[in-house]
Amino acid sequence: METCSCSTVNHALHKVVRDGDVFTITGSVSVEAGYAPSTLTLPVRREGDAVHFNQLRGIVLDEDRSIYVNDHENNCVRQVAQRAK
């Protein structure tokens, strides 16, 4: 079983796997808030692809495995889609 969580203070999305390991999916682990880019696609392939959020407050995963987050201080809901294989 896997689950996703959002970190308000670190402005990042995380995946928690069955054994308890936590992986950063996307976001600014350097604790810098912001807004970039407008189109979010996983996986992030280069350092320059880093996504910036500003105080994530909620997360929903739909049946297509797209992630929707409440980017609170940017006053929007953002979709993070899985990259096509």
N, C-alpha and C. Protein backbone atom coordinates (compact mmCIF):
# COMPACT_ATOMS: atom_id res chain seq x y z
N MET A 1 0.83 -1.18 0.00
CA MET A 1 0.00 0.00 0.00
C MET A 1 0.88 1.24 0.00
N GLU A 2 0.51 2.21 -0.80
CA GLU A 2 1.19 3.49 -0.84
C GLU A 2 0.18 4.58 -0.51
N THR A 3 0.68 5.68 0.02
CA THR A 3 -0.18 6.82 0.27
C THR A 3 0.61 8.08 -0.06
N CYS A 4 -0.09 9.15 -0.32
CA CYS A 4 0.54 10.44 -0.58
C CYS A 4 0.24 11.39 0.57
N SER A 5 1.15 12.30 0.82
CA SER A 5 0.90 13.33 1.82
C SER A 5 1.48 14.63 1.31
N CYS A 6 0.96 15.74 1.82
CA CYS A 6 1.49 17.03 1.43
C CYS A 6 2.06 17.71 2.67
N SER A 7 3.16 18.42 2.47
CA SER A 7 3.83 19.09 3.56
C SER A 7 3.62 20.59 3.41
N THR A 8 2.87 21.18 4.35
CA THR A 8 2.58 22.61 4.29
C THR A 8 3.85 23.44 4.43
N VAL A 9 4.69 23.10 5.38
CA VAL A 9 5.89 23.89 5.67
C VAL A 9 6.97 23.71 4.61
N ASN A 10 7.12 22.48 4.09
CA ASN A 10 8.17 22.22 3.09
C ASN A 10 7.69 22.41 1.66
N HIS A 11 6.40 22.70 1.47
CA HIS A 11 5.84 22.97 0.14
C HIS A 11 6.12 21.81 -0.82
N ALA A 12 5.88 20.58 -0.38
CA ALA A 12 6.22 19.41 -1.18
C ALA A 12 5.17 18.31 -1.03
N LEU A 13 5.12 17.43 -2.06
CA LEU A 13 4.29 16.24 -2.02
C LEU A 13 5.20 15.05 -1.73
N HIS A 14 4.72 14.13 -0.90
CA HIS A 14 5.50 12.96 -0.53
C HIS A 14 4.70 11.69 -0.75
N LYS A 15 5.43 10.60 -1.04
CA LYS A 15 4.83 9.28 -1.12
C LYS A 15 5.38 8.46 0.04
N VAL A 16 4.47 7.79 0.77
CA VAL A 16 4.87 6.92 1.87
C VAL A 16 4.54 5.49 1.44
N VAL A 17 5.55 4.61 1.45
CA VAL A 17 5.35 3.23 1.03
C VAL A 17 5.18 2.33 2.24
N ARG A 18 4.79 1.10 1.99
CA ARG A 18 4.43 0.13 3.02
C ARG A 18 5.48 0.02 4.13
N ASP A 19 6.76 0.01 3.79
CA ASP A 19 7.79 -0.18 4.82
C ASP A 19 8.09 1.10 5.61
N GLY A 20 7.37 2.20 5.29
CA GLY A 20 7.53 3.45 6.03
C GLY A 20 8.49 4.44 5.40
N ASP A 21 9.16 4.05 4.31
CA ASP A 21 10.03 4.99 3.63
C ASP A 21 9.21 6.11 3.02
N VAL A 22 9.76 7.33 3.04
CA VAL A 22 9.08 8.50 2.50
C VAL A 22 9.92 9.06 1.35
N PHE A 23 9.27 9.30 0.22
CA PHE A 23 9.94 9.84 -0.97
C PHE A 23 9.27 11.15 -1.36
N THR A 24 10.06 12.14 -1.74
CA THR A 24 9.50 13.39 -2.24
C THR A 24 9.08 13.16 -3.69
N ILE A 25 7.81 13.39 -3.98
CA ILE A 25 7.30 13.26 -5.34
C ILE A 25 7.66 14.51 -6.13
N THR A 26 7.33 15.65 -5.62
CA THR A 26 7.64 16.92 -6.26
C THR A 26 7.44 18.04 -5.26
N GLY A 27 8.00 19.17 -5.55
CA GLY A 27 7.89 20.32 -4.67
C GLY A 27 9.26 20.85 -4.31
N SER A 28 9.26 21.85 -3.49
CA SER A 28 10.50 22.53 -3.12
C SER A 28 10.96 22.04 -1.76
N VAL A 29 11.85 21.07 -1.75
CA VAL A 29 12.36 20.57 -0.48
C VAL A 29 13.33 21.56 0.16
N SER A 30 13.68 22.62 -0.56
CA SER A 30 14.56 23.66 -0.01
C SER A 30 13.76 24.66 0.81
N VAL A 31 12.46 24.40 1.02
CA VAL A 31 11.56 25.22 1.84
C VAL A 31 11.36 26.61 1.24
N GLU A 32 11.42 26.73 -0.08
CA GLU A 32 11.13 27.99 -0.73
C GLU A 32 9.73 27.94 -1.33
N ALA A 33 8.87 28.82 -0.88
CA ALA A 33 7.53 28.87 -1.43
C ALA A 33 7.57 29.58 -2.78
N GLY A 34 6.57 29.30 -3.63
CA GLY A 34 6.51 29.98 -4.91
C GLY A 34 5.42 29.41 -5.77
N TYR A 35 5.46 29.73 -7.05
CA TYR A 35 4.50 29.20 -8.01
C TYR A 35 5.21 28.98 -9.33
N ALA A 36 5.52 27.74 -9.65
CA ALA A 36 6.14 27.41 -10.92
C ALA A 36 6.22 25.89 -11.01
N PRO A 37 6.17 25.28 -12.15
CA PRO A 37 5.56 25.77 -13.38
C PRO A 37 4.05 25.61 -13.32
N SER A 38 3.36 26.05 -14.35
CA SER A 38 1.91 25.95 -14.34
C SER A 38 1.45 24.55 -14.75
N THR A 39 2.25 23.82 -15.53
CA THR A 39 1.92 22.45 -15.93
C THR A 39 2.81 21.50 -15.17
N LEU A 40 2.21 20.61 -14.42
CA LEU A 40 2.97 19.69 -13.58
C LEU A 40 2.80 18.27 -14.11
N THR A 41 3.90 17.62 -14.45
CA THR A 41 3.85 16.25 -14.93
C THR A 41 4.92 15.44 -14.21
N LEU A 42 4.53 14.27 -13.72
CA LEU A 42 5.47 13.39 -13.03
C LEU A 42 5.95 12.30 -13.97
N PRO A 43 7.13 11.74 -13.79
CA PRO A 43 8.09 12.18 -12.79
C PRO A 43 8.85 13.42 -13.23
N VAL A 44 9.35 14.18 -12.27
CA VAL A 44 10.20 15.33 -12.58
C VAL A 44 11.52 14.76 -13.06
N ARG A 45 11.97 15.20 -14.23
CA ARG A 45 13.14 14.56 -14.86
C ARG A 45 14.44 15.33 -14.68
N ARG A 46 14.36 16.63 -14.44
CA ARG A 46 15.58 17.43 -14.28
C ARG A 46 15.39 18.34 -13.08
N GLU A 47 16.50 18.78 -12.49
CA GLU A 47 16.42 19.70 -11.35
C GLU A 47 15.63 20.94 -11.70
N GLY A 48 15.76 21.43 -12.94
CA GLY A 48 15.04 22.62 -13.37
C GLY A 48 13.55 22.42 -13.49
N ASP A 49 13.10 21.15 -13.45
CA ASP A 49 11.67 20.84 -13.53
C ASP A 49 10.98 20.96 -12.17
N ALA A 50 11.72 21.35 -11.15
CA ALA A 50 11.15 21.39 -9.80
C ALA A 50 9.90 22.26 -9.75
N VAL A 51 8.91 21.78 -9.03
CA VAL A 51 7.64 22.47 -8.88
C VAL A 51 7.68 23.26 -7.59
N HIS A 52 7.11 24.44 -7.62
CA HIS A 52 7.04 25.26 -6.41
C HIS A 52 5.58 25.45 -6.00
N PHE A 53 5.31 25.16 -4.75
CA PHE A 53 4.00 25.36 -4.16
C PHE A 53 4.14 26.39 -3.04
N ASN A 54 3.01 26.81 -2.50
CA ASN A 54 3.04 27.73 -1.36
C ASN A 54 1.97 27.28 -0.35
N GLN A 55 2.39 26.49 0.60
CA GLN A 55 1.56 25.96 1.68
C GLN A 55 0.45 25.04 1.19
N LEU A 56 0.84 23.81 0.89
CA LEU A 56 -0.13 22.80 0.50
C LEU A 56 -1.02 22.45 1.68
N ARG A 57 -2.32 22.34 1.44
CA ARG A 57 -3.26 22.09 2.54
C ARG A 57 -4.14 20.87 2.34
N GLY A 58 -4.17 20.29 1.16
CA GLY A 58 -5.02 19.12 0.93
C GLY A 58 -4.59 18.39 -0.32
N ILE A 59 -4.97 17.11 -0.39
CA ILE A 59 -4.55 16.29 -1.52
C ILE A 59 -5.64 15.27 -1.85
N VAL A 60 -5.85 15.03 -3.16
CA VAL A 60 -6.81 14.03 -3.63
C VAL A 60 -6.15 13.28 -4.78
N LEU A 61 -6.33 11.97 -4.83
CA LEU A 61 -5.83 11.13 -5.91
C LEU A 61 -7.04 10.58 -6.65
N ASP A 62 -7.11 10.80 -7.99
CA ASP A 62 -8.28 10.31 -8.74
C ASP A 62 -8.00 8.93 -9.34
N GLU A 63 -9.00 8.38 -10.04
CA GLU A 63 -8.88 7.02 -10.57
C GLU A 63 -7.82 6.90 -11.66
N ASP A 64 -7.41 8.01 -12.27
CA ASP A 64 -6.34 7.99 -13.27
C ASP A 64 -4.97 8.23 -12.65
N ARG A 65 -4.91 8.26 -11.31
CA ARG A 65 -3.69 8.48 -10.53
C ARG A 65 -3.13 9.89 -10.69
N SER A 66 -3.96 10.82 -11.12
CA SER A 66 -3.58 12.22 -11.09
C SER A 66 -3.77 12.71 -9.66
N ILE A 67 -2.91 13.61 -9.24
CA ILE A 67 -2.95 14.15 -7.89
C ILE A 67 -3.43 15.59 -7.98
N TYR A 68 -4.39 15.95 -7.13
CA TYR A 68 -4.87 17.32 -7.03
C TYR A 68 -4.50 17.85 -5.66
N VAL A 69 -3.89 19.04 -5.62
CA VAL A 69 -3.48 19.62 -4.34
C VAL A 69 -4.06 21.02 -4.19
N ASN A 70 -4.37 21.37 -2.95
CA ASN A 70 -4.79 22.72 -2.62
C ASN A 70 -3.52 23.52 -2.34
N ASP A 71 -3.13 24.35 -3.30
CA ASP A 71 -1.96 25.23 -3.17
C ASP A 71 -2.47 26.51 -2.51
N HIS A 72 -2.59 26.47 -1.21
CA HIS A 72 -3.35 27.44 -0.43
C HIS A 72 -2.96 28.90 -0.66
N GLU A 73 -1.72 29.24 -0.46
CA GLU A 73 -1.30 30.65 -0.57
C GLU A 73 -1.22 31.14 -2.02
N ASN A 74 -1.26 30.23 -2.99
CA ASN A 74 -1.37 30.62 -4.39
C ASN A 74 -2.83 30.66 -4.83
N ASN A 75 -3.75 30.36 -3.89
CA ASN A 75 -5.20 30.44 -4.14
C ASN A 75 -5.65 29.61 -5.34
N CYS A 76 -5.20 28.35 -5.39
CA CYS A 76 -5.60 27.51 -6.50
C CYS A 76 -5.52 26.03 -6.14
N VAL A 77 -6.20 25.23 -6.95
CA VAL A 77 -6.06 23.78 -6.91
C VAL A 77 -5.24 23.41 -8.12
N ARG A 78 -4.19 22.61 -7.90
CA ARG A 78 -3.30 22.25 -9.02
C ARG A 78 -3.33 20.75 -9.23
N GLN A 79 -3.24 20.35 -10.50
CA GLN A 79 -3.22 18.94 -10.86
C GLN A 79 -1.79 18.53 -11.17
N VAL A 80 -1.39 17.41 -10.63
CA VAL A 80 -0.10 16.81 -10.94
C VAL A 80 -0.41 15.50 -11.65
N ALA A 81 -0.16 15.43 -12.96
CA ALA A 81 -0.52 14.27 -13.76
C ALA A 81 0.66 13.31 -13.89
N GLN A 82 0.37 12.03 -14.05
CA GLN A 82 1.40 11.04 -14.30
C GLN A 82 1.87 11.19 -15.74
N ARG A 83 3.18 11.12 -15.97
CA ARG A 83 3.72 11.21 -17.33
C ARG A 83 3.35 9.94 -18.09
N ALA A 84 2.91 10.09 -19.34
CA ALA A 84 2.55 8.94 -20.16
C ALA A 84 3.78 8.07 -20.41
N LYS A 85 3.58 6.77 -20.43
CA LYS A 85 4.71 5.85 -20.63
C LYS A 85 4.86 5.49 -22.08
